[in-house]
PDB file of all heavy atoms in Angstrom:
ATOM      1  N   PRO A   1      11.201  -2.676   8.908  1.00  0.00           N
ATOM      2  CA  PRO A   1      11.185  -2.060   7.576  1.00  0.00           C
ATOM      3  C   PRO A   1       9.758  -1.806   7.083  1.00  0.00           C
ATOM      4  O   PRO A   1       8.833  -2.571   7.379  1.00  0.00           O
ATOM      5  CB  PRO A   1      11.891  -3.094   6.698  1.00  0.00           C
ATOM      6  CG  PRO A   1      12.676  -3.943   7.641  1.00  0.00           C
ATOM      7  CD  PRO A   1      11.893  -3.985   8.910  1.00  0.00           C
ATOM      8  N   ILE A   2       9.571  -0.733   6.332  1.00  0.00           N
ATOM      9  CA  ILE A   2       8.292  -0.499   5.656  1.00  0.00           C
ATOM     10  C   ILE A   2       8.084  -1.635   4.653  1.00  0.00           C
ATOM     11  O   ILE A   2       9.017  -2.003   3.932  1.00  0.00           O
ATOM     12  CB  ILE A   2       8.293   0.866   4.951  1.00  0.00           C
ATOM     13  CG1 ILE A   2       8.341   1.988   6.000  1.00  0.00           C
ATOM     14  CG2 ILE A   2       7.055   1.031   4.071  1.00  0.00           C
ATOM     15  CD1 ILE A   2       8.479   3.373   5.412  1.00  0.00           C
ATOM     16  N   PRO A   3       6.898  -2.218   4.602  1.00  0.00           N
ATOM     17  CA  PRO A   3       6.686  -3.388   3.731  1.00  0.00           C
ATOM     18  C   PRO A   3       6.960  -3.091   2.262  1.00  0.00           C
ATOM     19  O   PRO A   3       6.619  -2.021   1.750  1.00  0.00           O
ATOM     20  CB  PRO A   3       5.209  -3.728   3.941  1.00  0.00           C
ATOM     21  CG  PRO A   3       4.843  -3.094   5.240  1.00  0.00           C
ATOM     22  CD  PRO A   3       5.684  -1.877   5.363  1.00  0.00           C
ATOM     23  N   GLU A   4       7.584  -4.048   1.600  1.00  0.00           N
ATOM     24  CA  GLU A   4       7.724  -3.992   0.150  1.00  0.00           C
ATOM     25  C   GLU A   4       6.403  -4.443  -0.479  1.00  0.00           C
ATOM     26  O   GLU A   4       5.693  -5.288   0.084  1.00  0.00           O
ATOM     27  CB  GLU A   4       8.854  -4.910  -0.307  1.00  0.00           C
ATOM     28  CG  GLU A   4      10.226  -4.508   0.209  1.00  0.00           C
ATOM     29  CD  GLU A   4      10.721  -3.218  -0.410  1.00  0.00           C
ATOM     30  OE1 GLU A   4      10.281  -2.890  -1.545  1.00  0.00           O
ATOM     31  OE2 GLU A   4      11.536  -2.533   0.235  1.00  0.00           O
ATOM     32  N   ILE A   5       6.060  -3.903  -1.647  1.00  0.00           N
ATOM     33  CA  ILE A   5       4.813  -4.309  -2.298  1.00  0.00           C
ATOM     34  C   ILE A   5       5.109  -4.911  -3.664  1.00  0.00           C
ATOM     35  O   ILE A   5       6.104  -4.582  -4.308  1.00  0.00           O
ATOM     36  CB  ILE A   5       3.825  -3.124  -2.442  1.00  0.00           C
ATOM     37  CG1 ILE A   5       4.411  -2.026  -3.339  1.00  0.00           C
ATOM     38  CG2 ILE A   5       3.437  -2.580  -1.077  1.00  0.00           C
ATOM     39  CD1 ILE A   5       3.399  -0.952  -3.716  1.00  0.00           C
ATOM     40  N   GLY A   6       4.204  -5.815  -4.080  1.00  0.00           N
ATOM     41  CA  GLY A   6       4.295  -6.413  -5.396  1.00  0.00           C
ATOM     42  C   GLY A   6       3.433  -5.678  -6.406  1.00  0.00           C
ATOM     43  O   GLY A   6       2.814  -4.645  -6.095  1.00  0.00           O
ATOM     44  N   GLU A   7       3.343  -6.229  -7.598  1.00  0.00           N
ATOM     45  CA  GLU A   7       2.629  -5.558  -8.689  1.00  0.00           C
ATOM     46  C   GLU A   7       1.137  -5.421  -8.431  1.00  0.00           C
ATOM     47  O   GLU A   7       0.488  -4.542  -8.988  1.00  0.00           O
ATOM     48  CB  GLU A   7       2.865  -6.320  -9.996  1.00  0.00           C
ATOM     49  CG  GLU A   7       4.306  -6.279 -10.474  1.00  0.00           C
ATOM     50  CD  GLU A   7       4.501  -7.041 -11.768  1.00  0.00           C
ATOM     51  OE1 GLU A   7       3.757  -8.031 -11.994  1.00  0.00           O
ATOM     52  OE2 GLU A   7       5.367  -6.649 -12.565  1.00  0.00           O
ATOM     53  N   ASP A   8       0.577  -6.303  -7.607  1.00  0.00           N
ATOM     54  CA  ASP A   8      -0.869  -6.264  -7.331  1.00  0.00           C
ATOM     55  C   ASP A   8      -1.194  -5.644  -5.980  1.00  0.00           C
ATOM     56  O   ASP A   8      -2.358  -5.643  -5.565  1.00  0.00           O
ATOM     57  CB  ASP A   8      -1.446  -7.681  -7.383  1.00  0.00           C
ATOM     58  CG  ASP A   8      -1.317  -8.312  -8.755  1.00  0.00           C
ATOM     59  OD1 ASP A   8      -1.747  -7.671  -9.726  1.00  0.00           O
ATOM     60  OD2 ASP A   8      -0.765  -9.427  -8.854  1.00  0.00           O
ATOM     61  N   ASP A   9      -0.193  -5.143  -5.276  1.00  0.00           N
ATOM     62  CA  ASP A   9      -0.368  -4.683  -3.901  1.00  0.00           C
ATOM     63  C   ASP A   9      -0.460  -3.166  -3.816  1.00  0.00           C
ATOM     64  O   ASP A   9      -0.136  -2.444  -4.761  1.00  0.00           O
ATOM     65  CB  ASP A   9       0.808  -5.140  -3.024  1.00  0.00           C
ATOM     66  CG  ASP A   9       1.010  -6.639  -3.043  1.00  0.00           C
ATOM     67  OD1 ASP A   9       0.057  -7.358  -3.387  1.00  0.00           O
ATOM     68  OD2 ASP A   9       2.127  -7.079  -2.698  1.00  0.00           O
ATOM     69  N   ALA A  10      -0.871  -2.711  -2.638  1.00  0.00           N
ATOM     70  CA  ALA A  10      -0.816  -1.286  -2.297  1.00  0.00           C
ATOM     71  C   ALA A  10      -0.143  -1.136  -0.944  1.00  0.00           C
ATOM     72  O   ALA A  10      -0.261  -2.008  -0.075  1.00  0.00           O
ATOM     73  CB  ALA A  10      -2.208  -0.675  -2.251  1.00  0.00           C
ATOM     74  N   LEU A  11       0.555  -0.048  -0.782  1.00  0.00           N
ATOM     75  CA  LEU A  11       1.096   0.332   0.524  1.00  0.00           C
ATOM     76  C   LEU A  11       0.183   1.407   1.084  1.00  0.00           C
ATOM     77  O   LEU A  11      -0.035   2.446   0.450  1.00  0.00           O
ATOM     78  CB  LEU A  11       2.522   0.857   0.397  1.00  0.00           C
ATOM     79  CG  LEU A  11       3.190   1.267   1.717  1.00  0.00           C
ATOM     80  CD1 LEU A  11       3.462   0.044   2.579  1.00  0.00           C
ATOM     81  CD2 LEU A  11       4.474   2.046   1.454  1.00  0.00           C
ATOM     82  N   VAL A  12      -0.371   1.156   2.258  1.00  0.00           N
ATOM     83  CA  VAL A  12      -1.325   2.075   2.881  1.00  0.00           C
ATOM     84  C   VAL A  12      -0.718   2.619   4.171  1.00  0.00           C
ATOM     85  O   VAL A  12      -0.232   1.861   5.016  1.00  0.00           O
ATOM     86  CB  VAL A  12      -2.664   1.369   3.183  1.00  0.00           C
ATOM     87  CG1 VAL A  12      -3.599   2.289   3.968  1.00  0.00           C
ATOM     88  CG2 VAL A  12      -3.330   0.931   1.881  1.00  0.00           C
ATOM     89  N   ARG A  13      -0.738   3.945   4.307  1.00  0.00           N
ATOM     90  CA  ARG A  13      -0.324   4.579   5.562  1.00  0.00           C
ATOM     91  C   ARG A  13      -1.505   4.547   6.521  1.00  0.00           C
ATOM     92  O   ARG A  13      -2.573   5.099   6.235  1.00  0.00           O
ATOM     93  CB  ARG A  13       0.127   6.022   5.292  1.00  0.00           C
ATOM     94  CG  ARG A  13       0.475   6.806   6.561  1.00  0.00           C
ATOM     95  CD  ARG A  13       1.108   8.147   6.225  1.00  0.00           C
ATOM     96  NE  ARG A  13       0.287   8.916   5.300  1.00  0.00           N
ATOM     97  CZ  ARG A  13      -0.721   9.704   5.666  1.00  0.00           C
ATOM     98  NH1 ARG A  13      -1.055   9.810   6.944  1.00  0.00           N
ATOM     99  NH2 ARG A  13      -1.400  10.385   4.755  1.00  0.00           N
ATOM    100  N   VAL A  14      -1.331   3.891   7.643  1.00  0.00           N
ATOM    101  CA  VAL A  14      -2.423   3.703   8.598  1.00  0.00           C
ATOM    102  C   VAL A  14      -2.601   4.967   9.427  1.00  0.00           C
ATOM    103  O   VAL A  14      -1.644   5.465  10.037  1.00  0.00           O
ATOM    104  CB  VAL A  14      -2.135   2.504   9.527  1.00  0.00           C
ATOM    105  CG1 VAL A  14      -3.252   2.345  10.556  1.00  0.00           C
ATOM    106  CG2 VAL A  14      -1.979   1.226   8.703  1.00  0.00           C
ATOM    107  N   THR A  15      -3.818   5.489   9.431  1.00  0.00           N
ATOM    108  CA  THR A  15      -4.122   6.653  10.269  1.00  0.00           C
ATOM    109  C   THR A  15      -5.045   6.294  11.425  1.00  0.00           C
ATOM    110  O   THR A  15      -5.172   7.053  12.373  1.00  0.00           O
ATOM    111  CB  THR A  15      -4.754   7.777   9.434  1.00  0.00           C
ATOM    112  OG1 THR A  15      -5.916   7.269   8.766  1.00  0.00           O
ATOM    113  CG2 THR A  15      -3.773   8.291   8.390  1.00  0.00           C
ATOM    114  N   ALA A  16      -5.715   5.132  11.347  1.00  0.00           N
ATOM    115  CA  ALA A  16      -6.568   4.669  12.439  1.00  0.00           C
ATOM    116  C   ALA A  16      -6.674   3.152  12.357  1.00  0.00           C
ATOM    117  O   ALA A  16      -6.741   2.582  11.270  1.00  0.00           O
ATOM    118  CB  ALA A  16      -7.961   5.293  12.349  1.00  0.00           C
ATOM    119  N   SER A  17      -6.673   2.505  13.508  1.00  0.00           N
ATOM    120  CA  SER A  17      -6.800   1.048  13.532  1.00  0.00           C
ATOM    121  C   SER A  17      -7.584   0.639  14.769  1.00  0.00           C
ATOM    122  O   SER A  17      -7.280   1.092  15.883  1.00  0.00           O
ATOM    123  CB  SER A  17      -5.427   0.377  13.535  1.00  0.00           C
ATOM    124  OG  SER A  17      -5.545  -1.031  13.431  1.00  0.00           O
ATOM    125  N   GLY A  18      -8.595  -0.196  14.577  1.00  0.00           N
ATOM    126  CA  GLY A  18      -9.434  -0.631  15.678  1.00  0.00           C
ATOM    127  C   GLY A  18      -8.800  -1.763  16.482  1.00  0.00           C
ATOM    128  O   GLY A  18      -7.838  -2.403  16.062  1.00  0.00           O
ATOM    129  N   ILE A  19      -9.355  -1.974  17.671  1.00  0.00           N
ATOM    130  CA  ILE A  19      -8.995  -3.114  18.506  1.00  0.00           C
ATOM    131  C   ILE A  19     -10.233  -3.976  18.623  1.00  0.00           C
ATOM    132  O   ILE A  19     -11.252  -3.550  19.172  1.00  0.00           O
ATOM    133  CB  ILE A  19      -8.511  -2.682  19.894  1.00  0.00           C
ATOM    134  CG1 ILE A  19      -7.296  -1.760  19.766  1.00  0.00           C
ATOM    135  CG2 ILE A  19      -8.174  -3.890  20.751  1.00  0.00           C
ATOM    136  CD1 ILE A  19      -6.845  -1.164  21.085  1.00  0.00           C
ATOM    137  N   CYS A  20     -10.164  -5.186  18.093  1.00  0.00           N
ATOM    138  CA  CYS A  20     -11.314  -6.079  18.004  1.00  0.00           C
ATOM    139  C   CYS A  20     -11.186  -7.207  19.023  1.00  0.00           C
ATOM    140  O   CYS A  20     -10.081  -7.565  19.447  1.00  0.00           O
ATOM    141  CB  CYS A  20     -11.381  -6.644  16.582  1.00  0.00           C
ATOM    142  SG  CYS A  20     -12.748  -7.803  16.299  1.00  0.00           S
ATOM    143  N   ARG A  21     -12.312  -7.767  19.410  1.00  0.00           N
ATOM    144  CA  ARG A  21     -12.286  -8.934  20.295  1.00  0.00           C
ATOM    145  C   ARG A  21     -11.472 -10.072  19.676  1.00  0.00           C
ATOM    146  O   ARG A  21     -10.828 -10.845  20.385  1.00  0.00           O
ATOM    147  CB  ARG A  21     -13.724  -9.402  20.563  1.00  0.00           C
ATOM    148  CG  ARG A  21     -13.844 -10.570  21.524  1.00  0.00           C
ATOM    149  CD  ARG A  21     -13.599 -10.146  22.951  1.00  0.00           C
ATOM    150  NE  ARG A  21     -13.931 -11.213  23.893  1.00  0.00           N
ATOM    151  CZ  ARG A  21     -13.894 -11.070  25.207  1.00  0.00           C
ATOM    152  NH1 ARG A  21     -13.561  -9.893  25.727  1.00  0.00           N
ATOM    153  NH2 ARG A  21     -14.195 -12.065  26.009  1.00  0.00           N
ATOM    154  N   THR A  22     -11.490 -10.147  18.346  1.00  0.00           N
ATOM    155  CA  THR A  22     -10.676 -11.155  17.675  1.00  0.00           C
ATOM    156  C   THR A  22      -9.197 -10.969  18.004  1.00  0.00           C
ATOM    157  O   THR A  22      -8.476 -11.951  18.215  1.00  0.00           O
ATOM    158  CB  THR A  22     -10.884 -11.071  16.149  1.00  0.00           C
ATOM    159  OG1 THR A  22     -12.242 -11.377  15.858  1.00  0.00           O
ATOM    160  CG2 THR A  22      -9.983 -12.048  15.415  1.00  0.00           C
ATOM    161  N   ASP A  23      -8.736  -9.717  18.059  1.00  0.00           N
ATOM    162  CA  ASP A  23      -7.348  -9.468  18.424  1.00  0.00           C
ATOM    163  C   ASP A  23      -7.052 -10.006  19.819  1.00  0.00           C
ATOM    164  O   ASP A  23      -5.982 -10.566  20.069  1.00  0.00           O
ATOM    165  CB  ASP A  23      -7.041  -7.965  18.370  1.00  0.00           C
ATOM    166  CG  ASP A  23      -7.153  -7.395  16.968  1.00  0.00           C
ATOM    167  OD1 ASP A  23      -6.545  -7.968  16.050  1.00  0.00           O
ATOM    168  OD2 ASP A  23      -7.845  -6.380  16.794  1.00  0.00           O
ATOM    169  N   TRP A  24      -7.991  -9.824  20.719  1.00  0.00           N
ATOM    170  CA  TRP A  24      -7.817 -10.333  22.083  1.00  0.00           C
ATOM    171  C   TRP A  24      -7.728 -11.854  22.082  1.00  0.00           C
ATOM    172  O   TRP A  24      -6.879 -12.445  22.775  1.00  0.00           O
ATOM    173  CB  TRP A  24      -8.986  -9.868  22.960  1.00  0.00           C
ATOM    174  CG  TRP A  24      -8.870 -10.280  24.399  1.00  0.00           C
ATOM    175  CD1 TRP A  24      -8.191  -9.640  25.391  1.00  0.00           C
ATOM    176  CD2 TRP A  24      -9.455 -11.442  24.994  1.00  0.00           C
ATOM    177  NE1 TRP A  24      -8.323 -10.320  26.568  1.00  0.00           N
ATOM    178  CE2 TRP A  24      -9.088 -11.428  26.361  1.00  0.00           C
ATOM    179  CE3 TRP A  24     -10.251 -12.480  24.515  1.00  0.00           C
ATOM    180  CZ2 TRP A  24      -9.493 -12.417  27.248  1.00  0.00           C
ATOM    181  CZ3 TRP A  24     -10.652 -13.479  25.396  1.00  0.00           C
ATOM    182  CH2 TRP A  24     -10.279 -13.445  26.737  1.00  0.00           C
ATOM    183  N   HIS A  25      -8.602 -12.501  21.304  1.00  0.00           N
ATOM    184  CA  HIS A  25      -8.542 -13.965  21.217  1.00  0.00           C
ATOM    185  C   HIS A  25      -7.196 -14.425  20.656  1.00  0.00           C
ATOM    186  O   HIS A  25      -6.608 -15.399  21.141  1.00  0.00           O
ATOM    187  CB  HIS A  25      -9.671 -14.489  20.336  1.00  0.00           C
ATOM    188  CG  HIS A  25     -11.003 -14.539  21.026  1.00  0.00           C
ATOM    189  ND1 HIS A  25     -11.235 -15.319  22.134  1.00  0.00           N
ATOM    190  CD2 HIS A  25     -12.176 -13.907  20.750  1.00  0.00           C
ATOM    191  CE1 HIS A  25     -12.498 -15.170  22.536  1.00  0.00           C
ATOM    192  NE2 HIS A  25     -13.083 -14.319  21.706  1.00  0.00           N
ATOM    193  N   LEU A  26      -6.719 -13.741  19.622  1.00  0.00           N
ATOM    194  CA  LEU A  26      -5.440 -14.118  19.035  1.00  0.00           C
ATOM    195  C   LEU A  26      -4.303 -13.917  20.026  1.00  0.00           C
ATOM    196  O   LEU A  26      -3.418 -14.774  20.153  1.00  0.00           O
ATOM    197  CB  LEU A  26      -5.194 -13.289  17.769  1.00  0.00           C
ATOM    198  CG  LEU A  26      -6.130 -13.593  16.589  1.00  0.00           C
ATOM    199  CD1 LEU A  26      -6.015 -12.494  15.537  1.00  0.00           C
ATOM    200  CD2 LEU A  26      -5.799 -14.947  15.977  1.00  0.00           C
ATOM    201  N   TRP A  27      -4.308 -12.803  20.727  1.00  0.00           N
ATOM    202  CA  TRP A  27      -3.293 -12.539  21.742  1.00  0.00           C
ATOM    203  C   TRP A  27      -3.333 -13.584  22.852  1.00  0.00           C
ATOM    204  O   TRP A  27      -2.316 -13.975  23.420  1.00  0.00           O
ATOM    205  CB  TRP A  27      -3.511 -11.132  22.308  1.00  0.00           C
ATOM    206  CG  TRP A  27      -2.653 -10.784  23.482  1.00  0.00           C
ATOM    207  CD1 TRP A  27      -1.349 -10.380  23.458  1.00  0.00           C
ATOM    208  CD2 TRP A  27      -3.043 -10.791  24.858  1.00  0.00           C
ATOM    209  NE1 TRP A  27      -0.903 -10.133  24.747  1.00  0.00           N
ATOM    210  CE2 TRP A  27      -1.930 -10.384  25.620  1.00  0.00           C
ATOM    211  CE3 TRP A  27      -4.243 -11.103  25.518  1.00  0.00           C
ATOM    212  CZ2 TRP A  27      -1.968 -10.279  27.011  1.00  0.00           C
ATOM    213  CZ3 TRP A  27      -4.277 -10.998  26.904  1.00  0.00           C
ATOM    214  CH2 TRP A  27      -3.150 -10.591  27.635  1.00  0.00           C
ATOM    215  N   ASN A  28      -4.543 -14.085  23.126  1.00  0.00           N
ATOM    216  CA  ASN A  28      -4.739 -15.097  24.170  1.00  0.00           C
ATOM    217  C   ASN A  28      -4.317 -16.492  23.717  1.00  0.00           C
ATOM    218  O   ASN A  28      -4.188 -17.393  24.536  1.00  0.00           O
ATOM    219  CB  ASN A  28      -6.230 -15.142  24.549  1.00  0.00           C
ATOM    220  CG  ASN A  28      -6.459 -14.840  26.008  1.00  0.00           C
ATOM    221  OD1 ASN A  28      -5.528 -14.573  26.747  1.00  0.00           O
ATOM    222  ND2 ASN A  28      -7.708 -14.874  26.420  1.00  0.00           N
ATOM    223  N   GLY A  29      -4.170 -16.687  22.393  1.00  0.00           N
ATOM    224  CA  GLY A  29      -3.876 -18.024  21.880  1.00  0.00           C
ATOM    225  C   GLY A  29      -5.075 -18.936  21.893  1.00  0.00           C
ATOM    226  O   GLY A  29      -4.945 -20.169  21.942  1.00  0.00           O
ATOM    227  N   ASP A  30      -6.272 -18.349  21.820  1.00  0.00           N
ATOM    228  CA  ASP A  30      -7.499 -19.132  22.001  1.00  0.00           C
ATOM    229  C   ASP A  30      -7.796 -20.095  20.858  1.00  0.00           C
ATOM    230  O   ASP A  30      -8.482 -21.082  21.064  1.00  0.00           O
ATOM    231  CB  ASP A  30      -8.706 -18.192  22.159  1.00  0.00           C
ATOM    232  CG  ASP A  30      -8.718 -17.510  23.509  1.00  0.00           C
ATOM    233  OD1 ASP A  30      -8.002 -17.964  24.411  1.00  0.00           O
ATOM    234  OD2 ASP A  30      -9.443 -16.509  23.655  1.00  0.00           O
TER     235      ASP A  30
END
């Protein structure tokens, strides 16, 4: 589902997203 937002939130349509070394560490369970 598309995320629901609260009164202080914004819904952003993602047009670009990077791949960071941090993502690799998280995927690795490091």
